[in-house]
Amino acid sequence: MPVFAYQVENDQRIRSKGTIAGESARQARSELREQGWKVLALNEVQPRIAQPIPIPFWGRTSSARVAAFTGELSTLLAVGVPLVESLDTLVRQNRGRFRMCVMQVRDKLAGGTSLAAAMAEHPRTFDELCVSLVEVGENTGRLDYALDCIAKYKRRSSEL
């Protein structure tokens, strides 16, 4: 239902401002008149659209952090927790820039994007190999196994 900003005046010339919801400008104006107001101005208020928060990345996310994330996600999926709920759990467990990244991946996933495509939007966190393996895991139905392989690879590479 549209919202209208109004400016009104009563019989004693006391002015008032506010907003009112109505099916149309005509209905909103009629409602204000029924309350005893003389309508001076009535304009539809455009809703504000929430803009995504840009996440500044000054460097790459460590392999150890990505390894921990993919390992935990693999475990949650292996025990039967749905993917979006698993990501919700991991959002609560992380902090800072990485948390914002996981939150954006979760939001994209909830919006219908594949996990691989959502991760590909964060190249400083999830490299090309990681995204490709996730895509293969999604296509084969073995996402938990693919994530486990990524976790093992990332742990080994961070040890080196």
N, C-alpha and C. Protein backbone atom coordinates (compact mmCIF):
# COMPACT_ATOMS: atom_id res chain seq x y z
N MET A 1 0.85 -1.16 0.00
CA MET A 1 0.00 0.00 0.00
C MET A 1 0.90 1.23 0.00
N PRO A 2 0.65 2.18 -0.88
CA PRO A 2 1.49 3.38 -0.94
C PRO A 2 1.38 4.21 0.33
N VAL A 3 2.44 4.95 0.61
CA VAL A 3 2.48 5.85 1.75
C VAL A 3 2.60 7.27 1.21
N PHE A 4 1.86 8.20 1.82
CA PHE A 4 1.85 9.57 1.36
C PHE A 4 2.28 10.49 2.49
N ALA A 5 3.14 11.45 2.16
CA ALA A 5 3.52 12.49 3.10
C ALA A 5 2.51 13.63 2.92
N TYR A 6 2.05 14.17 4.03
CA TYR A 6 1.04 15.23 3.91
C TYR A 6 1.40 16.42 4.76
N GLN A 7 0.83 17.56 4.39
CA GLN A 7 0.87 18.77 5.19
C GLN A 7 -0.58 19.25 5.22
N VAL A 8 -1.11 19.44 6.44
CA VAL A 8 -2.52 19.79 6.61
C VAL A 8 -2.65 21.00 7.53
N GLU A 9 -3.87 21.55 7.55
CA GLU A 9 -4.17 22.69 8.40
C GLU A 9 -5.59 22.51 8.91
N ASN A 10 -5.84 22.90 10.17
CA ASN A 10 -7.20 22.81 10.71
C ASN A 10 -7.89 24.17 10.65
N ASP A 11 -9.08 24.27 11.22
CA ASP A 11 -9.86 25.51 11.19
C ASP A 11 -9.17 26.66 11.92
N GLN A 12 -8.36 26.36 12.93
CA GLN A 12 -7.64 27.39 13.68
C GLN A 12 -6.29 27.74 13.04
N ARG A 13 -6.07 27.27 11.82
CA ARG A 13 -4.84 27.51 11.04
C ARG A 13 -3.59 26.90 11.71
N ILE A 14 -3.79 25.82 12.42
CA ILE A 14 -2.67 25.08 13.00
C ILE A 14 -2.26 24.02 11.98
N ARG A 15 -0.99 24.05 11.63
CA ARG A 15 -0.49 23.14 10.60
C ARG A 15 0.12 21.89 11.23
N SER A 16 0.07 20.81 10.46
CA SER A 16 0.62 19.54 10.91
C SER A 16 1.19 18.79 9.71
N LYS A 17 2.19 17.97 9.96
CA LYS A 17 2.80 17.14 8.92
C LYS A 17 2.79 15.70 9.39
N GLY A 18 2.85 14.78 8.41
CA GLY A 18 2.91 13.38 8.77
C GLY A 18 2.84 12.50 7.54
N THR A 19 2.60 11.23 7.78
CA THR A 19 2.44 10.28 6.68
C THR A 19 1.17 9.49 6.91
N ILE A 20 0.62 9.01 5.81
CA ILE A 20 -0.60 8.22 5.87
C ILE A 20 -0.54 7.17 4.76
N ALA A 21 -1.02 5.98 5.05
CA ALA A 21 -1.08 4.93 4.05
C ALA A 21 -2.47 4.92 3.43
N GLY A 22 -2.51 4.69 2.13
CA GLY A 22 -3.80 4.65 1.45
C GLY A 22 -3.68 3.94 0.12
N GLU A 23 -4.81 3.49 -0.37
CA GLU A 23 -4.84 2.81 -1.68
C GLU A 23 -4.44 3.76 -2.79
N SER A 24 -4.82 5.05 -2.65
CA SER A 24 -4.51 6.05 -3.66
C SER A 24 -4.39 7.40 -2.98
N ALA A 25 -3.93 8.39 -3.73
CA ALA A 25 -3.83 9.75 -3.20
C ALA A 25 -5.22 10.27 -2.88
N ARG A 26 -6.19 9.93 -3.70
CA ARG A 26 -7.57 10.38 -3.49
C ARG A 26 -8.11 9.83 -2.16
N GLN A 27 -7.86 8.55 -1.89
CA GLN A 27 -8.35 7.95 -0.65
C GLN A 27 -7.65 8.57 0.56
N ALA A 28 -6.33 8.80 0.46
CA ALA A 28 -5.58 9.41 1.57
C ALA A 28 -6.09 10.82 1.85
N ARG A 29 -6.33 11.59 0.79
CA ARG A 29 -6.85 12.95 0.93
C ARG A 29 -8.25 12.91 1.59
N SER A 30 -9.08 11.97 1.16
CA SER A 30 -10.42 11.83 1.72
C SER A 30 -10.38 11.50 3.20
N GLU A 31 -9.47 10.61 3.59
CA GLU A 31 -9.32 10.24 4.99
C GLU A 31 -8.92 11.42 5.86
N LEU A 32 -7.99 12.23 5.34
CA LEU A 32 -7.55 13.41 6.09
C LEU A 32 -8.69 14.42 6.23
N ARG A 33 -9.48 14.57 5.19
CA ARG A 33 -10.62 15.49 5.25
C ARG A 33 -11.66 15.02 6.26
N GLU A 34 -11.88 13.70 6.31
CA GLU A 34 -12.82 13.15 7.28
C GLU A 34 -12.39 13.42 8.71
N GLN A 35 -11.08 13.56 8.93
CA GLN A 35 -10.54 13.85 10.26
C GLN A 35 -10.59 15.35 10.57
N GLY A 36 -11.09 16.13 9.61
CA GLY A 36 -11.26 17.56 9.85
C GLY A 36 -10.09 18.42 9.39
N TRP A 37 -9.24 17.90 8.58
CA TRP A 37 -8.07 18.64 8.10
C TRP A 37 -8.31 19.18 6.70
N LYS A 38 -7.71 20.32 6.43
CA LYS A 38 -7.65 20.88 5.07
C LYS A 38 -6.29 20.48 4.51
N VAL A 39 -6.26 19.74 3.43
CA VAL A 39 -5.02 19.21 2.87
C VAL A 39 -4.30 20.30 2.07
N LEU A 40 -3.07 20.63 2.48
CA LEU A 40 -2.26 21.62 1.77
C LEU A 40 -1.33 20.96 0.75
N ALA A 41 -0.78 19.81 1.12
CA ALA A 41 0.12 19.08 0.21
C ALA A 41 0.02 17.59 0.50
N LEU A 42 0.12 16.80 -0.56
CA LEU A 42 0.05 15.35 -0.42
C LEU A 42 0.92 14.74 -1.52
N ASN A 43 1.98 14.07 -1.12
CA ASN A 43 2.92 13.47 -2.09
C ASN A 43 3.22 12.03 -1.70
N GLU A 44 3.31 11.17 -2.71
CA GLU A 44 3.65 9.78 -2.44
C GLU A 44 5.13 9.68 -2.05
N VAL A 45 5.39 8.90 -1.01
CA VAL A 45 6.76 8.69 -0.53
C VAL A 45 7.30 7.45 -1.22
N GLN A 46 8.45 7.57 -1.86
CA GLN A 46 9.07 6.44 -2.52
C GLN A 46 9.83 5.62 -1.49
N PRO A 47 9.64 4.30 -1.49
CA PRO A 47 10.35 3.46 -0.51
C PRO A 47 11.85 3.48 -0.79
N ARG A 48 12.60 3.44 0.27
CA ARG A 48 14.06 3.38 0.14
C ARG A 48 14.47 1.93 -0.06
N ILE A 49 15.32 1.71 -1.02
CA ILE A 49 15.80 0.37 -1.31
C ILE A 49 17.14 0.20 -0.60
N ALA A 50 17.22 -0.86 0.19
CA ALA A 50 18.47 -1.12 0.91
C ALA A 50 19.57 -1.48 -0.08
N GLN A 51 20.69 -0.80 0.04
CA GLN A 51 21.84 -1.06 -0.81
C GLN A 51 22.77 -2.04 -0.11
N PRO A 52 23.38 -2.95 -0.86
CA PRO A 52 24.32 -3.86 -0.22
C PRO A 52 25.51 -3.09 0.34
N ILE A 53 25.99 -3.55 1.45
CA ILE A 53 27.13 -2.91 2.09
C ILE A 53 28.40 -3.36 1.40
N PRO A 54 29.17 -2.41 0.86
CA PRO A 54 30.42 -2.82 0.21
C PRO A 54 31.41 -3.32 1.27
N ILE A 55 32.08 -4.38 0.94
CA ILE A 55 33.04 -4.95 1.87
C ILE A 55 34.45 -4.63 1.37
N PRO A 56 35.19 -3.84 2.13
CA PRO A 56 36.54 -3.54 1.68
C PRO A 56 37.46 -4.74 1.90
N PHE A 57 38.18 -5.11 0.88
CA PHE A 57 39.15 -6.20 1.00
C PHE A 57 40.53 -5.64 0.72
N TRP A 58 41.38 -5.64 1.73
CA TRP A 58 42.72 -5.12 1.56
C TRP A 58 43.71 -6.24 1.26
N GLY A 59 43.26 -7.43 1.25
CA GLY A 59 44.14 -8.55 0.98
C GLY A 59 43.33 -9.83 0.87
N ARG A 60 44.03 -10.89 0.65
CA ARG A 60 43.38 -12.18 0.50
C ARG A 60 43.07 -12.75 1.88
N THR A 61 42.05 -13.59 1.92
CA THR A 61 41.73 -14.32 3.13
C THR A 61 42.71 -15.49 3.22
N SER A 62 43.17 -15.79 4.42
CA SER A 62 44.17 -16.83 4.58
C SER A 62 43.62 -18.20 4.20
N SER A 63 44.53 -19.04 3.72
CA SER A 63 44.16 -20.41 3.36
C SER A 63 43.64 -21.18 4.56
N ALA A 64 44.20 -20.90 5.73
CA ALA A 64 43.78 -21.59 6.94
C ALA A 64 42.32 -21.26 7.28
N ARG A 65 41.93 -20.02 7.08
CA ARG A 65 40.55 -19.63 7.38
C ARG A 65 39.58 -20.27 6.39
N VAL A 66 39.94 -20.27 5.10
CA VAL A 66 39.10 -20.91 4.09
C VAL A 66 39.03 -22.42 4.34
N ALA A 67 40.17 -23.01 4.76
CA ALA A 67 40.20 -24.44 5.08
C ALA A 67 39.25 -24.75 6.23
N ALA A 68 39.27 -23.94 7.26
CA ALA A 68 38.39 -24.16 8.40
C ALA A 68 36.93 -24.01 7.98
N PHE A 69 36.64 -22.99 7.18
CA PHE A 69 35.27 -22.75 6.71
C PHE A 69 34.76 -23.91 5.88
N THR A 70 35.53 -24.33 4.88
CA THR A 70 35.07 -25.41 4.00
C THR A 70 34.98 -26.74 4.76
N GLY A 71 35.90 -26.97 5.69
CA GLY A 71 35.84 -28.19 6.49
C GLY A 71 34.59 -28.25 7.36
N GLU A 72 34.28 -27.12 8.01
CA GLU A 72 33.10 -27.08 8.87
C GLU A 72 31.82 -27.19 8.03
N LEU A 73 31.80 -26.52 6.87
CA LEU A 73 30.64 -26.60 5.99
C LEU A 73 30.44 -28.03 5.50
N SER A 74 31.54 -28.71 5.17
CA SER A 74 31.49 -30.10 4.74
C SER A 74 30.89 -30.99 5.82
N THR A 75 31.33 -30.79 7.04
CA THR A 75 30.83 -31.59 8.16
C THR A 75 29.34 -31.37 8.39
N LEU A 76 28.92 -30.11 8.36
CA LEU A 76 27.50 -29.81 8.56
C LEU A 76 26.63 -30.44 7.47
N LEU A 77 27.11 -30.38 6.23
CA LEU A 77 26.35 -30.97 5.13
C LEU A 77 26.32 -32.49 5.23
N ALA A 78 27.44 -33.09 5.66
CA ALA A 78 27.53 -34.54 5.76
C ALA A 78 26.55 -35.11 6.80
N VAL A 79 26.26 -34.32 7.85
CA VAL A 79 25.33 -34.81 8.87
C VAL A 79 23.88 -34.43 8.56
N GLY A 80 23.65 -33.80 7.40
CA GLY A 80 22.28 -33.56 6.95
C GLY A 80 21.71 -32.18 7.22
N VAL A 81 22.54 -31.24 7.65
CA VAL A 81 22.05 -29.87 7.87
C VAL A 81 21.91 -29.20 6.50
N PRO A 82 20.77 -28.56 6.21
CA PRO A 82 20.61 -27.90 4.91
C PRO A 82 21.67 -26.80 4.70
N LEU A 83 21.98 -26.53 3.45
CA LEU A 83 23.07 -25.62 3.10
C LEU A 83 22.87 -24.22 3.67
N VAL A 84 21.69 -23.64 3.53
CA VAL A 84 21.47 -22.28 4.03
C VAL A 84 21.60 -22.23 5.55
N GLU A 85 21.07 -23.24 6.25
CA GLU A 85 21.21 -23.30 7.71
C GLU A 85 22.67 -23.47 8.10
N SER A 86 23.42 -24.25 7.33
CA SER A 86 24.84 -24.44 7.61
C SER A 86 25.58 -23.12 7.50
N LEU A 87 25.25 -22.36 6.46
CA LEU A 87 25.90 -21.06 6.29
C LEU A 87 25.49 -20.09 7.39
N ASP A 88 24.24 -20.17 7.85
CA ASP A 88 23.81 -19.34 8.98
C ASP A 88 24.66 -19.64 10.22
N THR A 89 24.90 -20.91 10.46
CA THR A 89 25.73 -21.32 11.60
C THR A 89 27.14 -20.76 11.47
N LEU A 90 27.70 -20.85 10.27
CA LEU A 90 29.07 -20.36 10.05
C LEU A 90 29.15 -18.84 10.10
N VAL A 91 28.08 -18.15 9.74
CA VAL A 91 28.05 -16.69 9.87
C VAL A 91 28.19 -16.31 11.34
N ARG A 92 27.47 -17.04 12.21
CA ARG A 92 27.53 -16.75 13.65
C ARG A 92 28.90 -17.05 14.24
N GLN A 93 29.65 -17.97 13.63
CA GLN A 93 30.94 -18.37 14.18
C GLN A 93 32.10 -17.50 13.73
N ASN A 94 31.91 -16.69 12.69
CA ASN A 94 33.00 -15.89 12.15
C ASN A 94 32.82 -14.42 12.48
N ARG A 95 33.89 -13.67 12.31
CA ARG A 95 33.89 -12.24 12.61
C ARG A 95 34.55 -11.48 11.46
N GLY A 96 34.31 -10.19 11.45
CA GLY A 96 35.01 -9.29 10.53
C GLY A 96 34.61 -9.44 9.08
N ARG A 97 35.61 -9.21 8.22
CA ARG A 97 35.39 -9.24 6.78
C ARG A 97 34.95 -10.61 6.29
N PHE A 98 35.51 -11.65 6.88
CA PHE A 98 35.15 -13.00 6.44
C PHE A 98 33.68 -13.28 6.75
N ARG A 99 33.21 -12.82 7.89
CA ARG A 99 31.80 -13.00 8.25
C ARG A 99 30.90 -12.31 7.22
N MET A 100 31.25 -11.10 6.83
CA MET A 100 30.45 -10.37 5.84
C MET A 100 30.45 -11.11 4.51
N CYS A 101 31.57 -11.69 4.15
CA CYS A 101 31.68 -12.45 2.91
C CYS A 101 30.76 -13.67 2.96
N VAL A 102 30.79 -14.41 4.05
CA VAL A 102 29.95 -15.60 4.21
C VAL A 102 28.48 -15.19 4.22
N MET A 103 28.18 -14.07 4.84
CA MET A 103 26.80 -13.58 4.88
C MET A 103 26.30 -13.26 3.46
N GLN A 104 27.15 -12.64 2.65
CA GLN A 104 26.76 -12.33 1.28
C GLN A 104 26.58 -13.60 0.45
N VAL A 105 27.43 -14.58 0.67
CA VAL A 105 27.29 -15.87 -0.02
C VAL A 105 25.97 -16.51 0.37
N ARG A 106 25.65 -16.50 1.65
CA ARG A 106 24.39 -17.07 2.13
C ARG A 106 23.19 -16.36 1.52
N ASP A 107 23.24 -15.03 1.46
CA ASP A 107 22.14 -14.26 0.89
C ASP A 107 21.94 -14.57 -0.59
N LYS A 108 23.04 -14.69 -1.33
CA LYS A 108 22.95 -15.02 -2.75
C LYS A 108 22.35 -16.42 -2.92
N LEU A 109 22.79 -17.33 -2.07
CA LEU A 109 22.30 -18.71 -2.13
C LEU A 109 20.81 -18.76 -1.83
N ALA A 110 20.37 -18.01 -0.82
CA ALA A 110 18.96 -17.97 -0.48
C ALA A 110 18.14 -17.34 -1.60
N GLY A 111 18.78 -16.49 -2.41
CA GLY A 111 18.11 -15.85 -3.53
C GLY A 111 18.07 -16.71 -4.78
N GLY A 112 18.63 -17.91 -4.73
CA GLY A 112 18.54 -18.82 -5.86
C GLY A 112 19.82 -19.03 -6.64
N THR A 113 20.88 -18.36 -6.26
CA THR A 113 22.16 -18.53 -6.94
C THR A 113 22.84 -19.80 -6.43
N SER A 114 23.63 -20.44 -7.28
CA SER A 114 24.36 -21.63 -6.83
C SER A 114 25.48 -21.21 -5.87
N LEU A 115 25.93 -22.14 -5.06
CA LEU A 115 27.00 -21.85 -4.12
C LEU A 115 28.27 -21.44 -4.86
N ALA A 116 28.58 -22.13 -5.94
CA ALA A 116 29.79 -21.81 -6.71
C ALA A 116 29.73 -20.39 -7.27
N ALA A 117 28.58 -20.01 -7.81
CA ALA A 117 28.43 -18.66 -8.37
C ALA A 117 28.52 -17.60 -7.28
N ALA A 118 27.94 -17.88 -6.12
CA ALA A 118 28.01 -16.94 -5.00
C ALA A 118 29.44 -16.79 -4.50
N MET A 119 30.18 -17.90 -4.45
CA MET A 119 31.57 -17.85 -4.00
C MET A 119 32.45 -17.16 -5.04
N ALA A 120 32.12 -17.31 -6.31
CA ALA A 120 32.92 -16.69 -7.38
C ALA A 120 32.89 -15.17 -7.31
N GLU A 121 31.89 -14.61 -6.67
CA GLU A 121 31.81 -13.16 -6.52
C GLU A 121 32.80 -12.62 -5.49
N HIS A 122 33.51 -13.52 -4.82
CA HIS A 122 34.51 -13.14 -3.81
C HIS A 122 35.86 -13.77 -4.13
N PRO A 123 36.49 -13.32 -5.23
CA PRO A 123 37.72 -13.96 -5.68
C PRO A 123 38.91 -13.81 -4.73
N ARG A 124 38.88 -12.83 -3.85
CA ARG A 124 39.98 -12.68 -2.89
C ARG A 124 39.85 -13.63 -1.71
N THR A 125 38.69 -14.23 -1.59
CA THR A 125 38.47 -15.21 -0.53
C THR A 125 38.47 -16.63 -1.07
N PHE A 126 37.72 -16.84 -2.15
CA PHE A 126 37.59 -18.17 -2.74
C PHE A 126 38.24 -18.16 -4.12
N ASP A 127 39.37 -18.85 -4.23
CA ASP A 127 40.10 -18.85 -5.50
C ASP A 127 39.37 -19.69 -6.55
N GLU A 128 39.92 -19.68 -7.76
CA GLU A 128 39.29 -20.36 -8.89
C GLU A 128 39.17 -21.87 -8.66
N LEU A 129 40.19 -22.48 -8.07
CA LEU A 129 40.15 -23.91 -7.79
C LEU A 129 39.01 -24.25 -6.82
N CYS A 130 38.87 -23.45 -5.80
CA CYS A 130 37.82 -23.65 -4.80
C CYS A 130 36.44 -23.56 -5.46
N VAL A 131 36.23 -22.54 -6.27
CA VAL A 131 34.94 -22.34 -6.94
C VAL A 131 34.66 -23.50 -7.89
N SER A 132 35.68 -23.93 -8.63
CA SER A 132 35.50 -25.02 -9.59
C SER A 132 35.15 -26.33 -8.89
N LEU A 133 35.83 -26.63 -7.79
CA LEU A 133 35.53 -27.86 -7.05
C LEU A 133 34.13 -27.82 -6.43
N VAL A 134 33.71 -26.66 -5.97
CA VAL A 134 32.35 -26.53 -5.42
C VAL A 134 31.33 -26.75 -6.53
N GLU A 135 31.60 -26.21 -7.70
CA GLU A 135 30.69 -26.40 -8.83
C GLU A 135 30.57 -27.88 -9.19
N VAL A 136 31.70 -28.58 -9.22
CA VAL A 136 31.69 -30.02 -9.50
C VAL A 136 30.90 -30.76 -8.42
N GLY A 137 31.13 -30.39 -7.17
CA GLY A 137 30.41 -31.02 -6.06
C GLY A 137 28.91 -30.81 -6.15
N GLU A 138 28.50 -29.61 -6.55
CA GLU A 138 27.07 -29.34 -6.70
C GLU A 138 26.48 -30.17 -7.85
N ASN A 139 27.22 -30.26 -8.95
CA ASN A 139 26.72 -30.98 -10.12
C ASN A 139 26.65 -32.49 -9.91
N THR A 140 27.55 -33.02 -9.08
CA THR A 140 27.57 -34.47 -8.86
C THR A 140 26.76 -34.90 -7.63
N GLY A 141 26.32 -33.91 -6.84
CA GLY A 141 25.58 -34.26 -5.63
C GLY A 141 26.47 -34.63 -4.47
N ARG A 142 27.76 -34.36 -4.58
CA ARG A 142 28.72 -34.69 -3.52
C ARG A 142 29.41 -33.42 -3.02
N LEU A 143 28.63 -32.41 -2.70
CA LEU A 143 29.18 -31.14 -2.26
C LEU A 143 29.98 -31.30 -0.97
N ASP A 144 29.52 -32.12 -0.06
CA ASP A 144 30.26 -32.32 1.19
C ASP A 144 31.65 -32.89 0.94
N TYR A 145 31.75 -33.83 -0.01
CA TYR A 145 33.05 -34.42 -0.35
C TYR A 145 33.96 -33.39 -1.00
N ALA A 146 33.41 -32.59 -1.92
CA ALA A 146 34.20 -31.57 -2.60
C ALA A 146 34.73 -30.54 -1.60
N LEU A 147 33.88 -30.14 -0.65
CA LEU A 147 34.31 -29.16 0.35
C LEU A 147 35.38 -29.75 1.27
N ASP A 148 35.26 -31.03 1.58
CA ASP A 148 36.27 -31.70 2.40
C ASP A 148 37.62 -31.73 1.67
N CYS A 149 37.58 -32.01 0.36
CA CYS A 149 38.82 -32.01 -0.44
C CYS A 149 39.46 -30.63 -0.45
N ILE A 150 38.64 -29.58 -0.58
CA ILE A 150 39.16 -28.21 -0.55
C ILE A 150 39.81 -27.93 0.80
N ALA A 151 39.14 -28.32 1.87
CA ALA A 151 39.67 -28.08 3.22
C ALA A 151 41.03 -28.76 3.40
N LYS A 152 41.13 -30.01 2.96
CA LYS A 152 42.40 -30.74 3.09
C LYS A 152 43.50 -30.07 2.27
N TYR A 153 43.17 -29.68 1.05
CA TYR A 153 44.15 -29.03 0.17
C TYR A 153 44.62 -27.70 0.78
N LYS A 154 43.68 -26.92 1.28
CA LYS A 154 44.02 -25.61 1.85
C LYS A 154 44.88 -25.77 3.11
N ARG A 155 44.56 -26.78 3.93
CA ARG A 155 45.37 -27.01 5.14
C ARG A 155 46.80 -27.37 4.77
N ARG A 156 46.94 -28.26 3.77
CA ARG A 156 48.28 -28.66 3.35
C ARG A 156 49.03 -27.47 2.76
N SER A 157 48.36 -26.66 1.95
CA SER A 157 49.06 -25.54 1.34
C SER A 157 49.43 -24.48 2.37
N SER A 158 48.62 -24.29 3.41
CA SER A 158 48.99 -23.32 4.44
C SER A 158 50.14 -23.84 5.31
N GLU A 159 50.25 -25.16 5.47
CA GLU A 159 51.36 -25.74 6.21
C GLU A 159 52.68 -25.54 5.47
N LEU A 160 52.60 -25.62 4.14
CA LEU A 160 53.80 -25.40 3.34
C LEU A 160 54.23 -23.95 3.40
